[in-house]
Amino acid sequence: MFCGLCEDACPTDALELTQDFELASYTRDGAIWNREMLEKGPQPTQYRK
């Protein structure tokens, strides 16, 4: 949400809110997040041989 409250409350200045982020998705479907995915967070992809 980028409100900045967590950055203000952090006593050790370990958080820094910037516009830079990394989100690795190799399909367009990976960029679409619904409400369930926002609540659970992204699930790791399991690769099999």
C-alpha atoms as a PDB file:
ATOM      1  CA  MET A   1       0.000   0.000   0.000  1.00  0.00           C
ATOM      2  CA  PHE A   2       3.071   2.208   0.353  1.00  0.00           C
ATOM      3  CA  CYS A   3       1.718   4.217   3.270  1.00  0.00           C
ATOM      4  CA  GLY A   4       5.092   4.360   5.042  1.00  0.00           C
ATOM      5  CA  LEU A   5       3.860   3.503   8.538  1.00  0.00           C
ATOM      6  CA  CYS A   6       6.082   0.400   8.788  1.00  0.00           C
ATOM      7  CA  GLU A   7       9.124   2.462   7.791  1.00  0.00           C
ATOM      8  CA  ASP A   8       8.336   5.060  10.467  1.00  0.00           C
ATOM      9  CA  ALA A   9       7.825   2.418  13.164  1.00  0.00           C
ATOM     10  CA  CYS A  10      11.031   0.449  12.408  1.00  0.00           C
ATOM     11  CA  PRO A  11      13.501   1.206  15.220  1.00  0.00           C
ATOM     12  CA  THR A  12      16.623   0.124  13.321  1.00  0.00           C
ATOM     13  CA  ASP A  13      15.957   1.786   9.939  1.00  0.00           C
ATOM     14  CA  ALA A  14      16.043  -1.670   8.319  1.00  0.00           C
ATOM     15  CA  LEU A  15      13.205  -0.744   5.973  1.00  0.00           C
ATOM     16  CA  GLU A  16      13.472   1.698   3.123  1.00  0.00           C
ATOM     17  CA  LEU A  17      10.500   2.265   0.832  1.00  0.00           C
ATOM     18  CA  THR A  18      11.519   2.863  -2.762  1.00  0.00           C
ATOM     19  CA  GLN A  19       9.974   2.382  -6.178  1.00  0.00           C
ATOM     20  CA  ASP A  20      12.498  -0.394  -6.987  1.00  0.00           C
ATOM     21  CA  PHE A  21      11.341  -3.985  -6.717  1.00  0.00           C
ATOM     22  CA  GLU A  22      11.913  -7.336  -8.366  1.00  0.00           C
ATOM     23  CA  LEU A  23       9.034  -9.552  -9.383  1.00  0.00           C
ATOM     24  CA  ALA A  24      10.079 -12.455 -11.573  1.00  0.00           C
ATOM     25  CA  SER A  25       7.233 -13.690 -13.723  1.00  0.00           C
ATOM     26  CA  TYR A  26       7.698 -15.179 -17.139  1.00  0.00           C
ATOM     27  CA  THR A  27       4.059 -15.141 -18.254  1.00  0.00           C
ATOM     28  CA  ARG A  28       1.307 -12.555 -18.270  1.00  0.00           C
ATOM     29  CA  ASP A  29      -0.762 -14.813 -16.020  1.00  0.00           C
ATOM     30  CA  GLY A  30       1.869 -14.457 -13.296  1.00  0.00           C
ATOM     31  CA  ALA A  31       1.316 -10.707 -13.200  1.00  0.00           C
ATOM     32  CA  ILE A  32      -2.396 -11.007 -12.404  1.00  0.00           C
ATOM     33  CA  TRP A  33      -3.012 -11.247  -8.656  1.00  0.00           C
ATOM     34  CA  ASN A  34      -6.491 -11.841  -7.301  1.00  0.00           C
ATOM     35  CA  ARG A  35      -7.629 -11.305  -3.715  1.00  0.00           C
ATOM     36  CA  GLU A  36      -6.729 -14.863  -2.631  1.00  0.00           C
ATOM     37  CA  MET A  37      -3.174 -14.544  -3.906  1.00  0.00           C
ATOM     38  CA  LEU A  38      -2.754 -11.182  -2.186  1.00  0.00           C
ATOM     39  CA  GLU A  39      -3.881 -12.715   1.119  1.00  0.00           C
ATOM     40  CA  LYS A  40      -1.727 -15.880   0.877  1.00  0.00           C
ATOM     41  CA  GLY A  41       1.232 -14.449  -0.963  1.00  0.00           C
ATOM     42  CA  PRO A  42       2.866 -16.019  -4.000  1.00  0.00           C
ATOM     43  CA  GLN A  43       3.404 -19.761  -3.831  1.00  0.00           C
ATOM     44  CA  PRO A  44       6.806 -21.067  -4.980  1.00  0.00           C
ATOM     45  CA  THR A  45       6.897 -22.905  -8.286  1.00  0.00           C
ATOM     46  CA  GLN A  46       7.828 -26.559  -7.936  1.00  0.00           C
ATOM     47  CA  TYR A  47       9.928 -27.859 -10.807  1.00  0.00           C
ATOM     48  CA  ARG A  48      10.147 -31.573 -11.539  1.00  0.00           C
ATOM     49  CA  LYS A  49      12.499 -33.596 -13.681  1.00  0.00           C
END
